[in-house]
Amino acid sequence: MDLLLKVHEGYADVTGLERESAEDALAWAVARRHGLLPLLVRVTGDTWRAAQILVEAAARHDELPAVPGPVWGCALETARTDPAYDYGEVAAAARAAFRRAADDGDTTALHSLGLLAESLGQGEEAEQWFRRAAAAGEARSAGRIGRLLAERGEDRAAEPFLETAAEAGDAEAATLLGKLLQARAERCFKAGARHGSPEAAQLLGDLRLARGDVDNALYSYLDAAWAQYEPVARSMGLIHLLWREHKVAKVWLRRAADSGDACAADFLDPLSVDTLERAVEFFQDDAERRGFDASNLGVLLEEHGRPGEARPWYLKGYEQGDAYGAFRLAELHKKDGDDAEAGTWYRKAAAMGHPGAKRALGEAPEPENGGTKPVE
């Protein structure tokens, strides 16, 4: 019955009519029609079978309305996972239906043909259908083509497809497009810096700093500073803030603020008023609702010698979906010498994807280049 109701949702509503409840629909379908056969016959429990004579009659009449695409999608999904169905037979019928719909101008059918070919391991054919669908305006297919091209290293060719998908609301395509453009921007800034542009050097440093490549970010900022490029003062200040060299940072930030950099001026004030109470207040405002803030508040309290107060915040972070909360609980148990409980929390954090927990369990992938080694 669950499958029947799911299939039912794939059919469009009839204009001017309201759908009856599932209970009313089932009562109608299991009643005898004209004193003869019901449309549905109970097999066992909540399992039903369509009257065979009706199935055979439907198969003989070509004038019946076409089965909607979402229903075919449901059939394919079910046949793929349920051995009671012959997936090859369902796929062949779906392909024929999608081709007829595509010939009638249905662009979604082109996309469905691509998905079907992809599910059958027919990559080249899938790409051809996706390209046809994208050319016809199907944003979902444009996203597929963009991803395929990006995986093959054809970034510039992928960009217009990803942009089309991103503008249609595809968050994954938008993110991938941003990464491709970021990589292209970095190549451009490198070229500009190499040819003497201090602005390009600073912007290159900003990109490197954003991904944690602090050493090479500094080298880029120094190139701009040696060229006496005034706007780099704030960036130099931020680097020294990261290194906790507050006195040096203040000099750079003061220089930037005196040049009219309002953002740098904002950085100056907190350097002298950073207190534990202010930090607790910063995280506590949202810690009841957001896992990240709850776990971060726990870290703050633990770092200031208050692990007992940190523990419930870590637990709250974990309960709100933050793997870091579980990881910090594991670390606390490890410090307490409770290796068994630590292992339990490491496994919980690892199951949620936390890389530190995976490393602790010996499951971590190769670490990414953090940028600690300078590059030319």
Foldseek 3Di string as FASTA:
>chain_A
DVLVVQLVVLDDDDPPDDDDDPVVVVVQQCDADVPHGHQWDDDDDPDIDGDPVVVVVVVVDPPDDQRGPVNLVSVLVCVVPDVVHDNVVSLVVLLVSLVVVVVVPDLVSLQVNLVSCVVVVNNVSSLVSLVVSVVVPDLVSLLVNLVVCVVVVNNVVSQVSLVSNVVVPDPVSVVVNVVSVLVVLLVVLVVVVVVPDLVSLQVNLVSLVVLQLLVQSVVSLVSNVVVVPLQSLQVVLVSVVVVVVNVSSLVSLVSNVVVPDVVSVVVNVCVVVVDLVVVLVVLVVCLQPELVSLQVSLVSCVVVPRNVVSLVSLVSSVVRLHLSSLQVNLVVCVVVVNNVSSLVSLVSSVVSPDQVSCVVVVNHDDDDPSNHDHDD
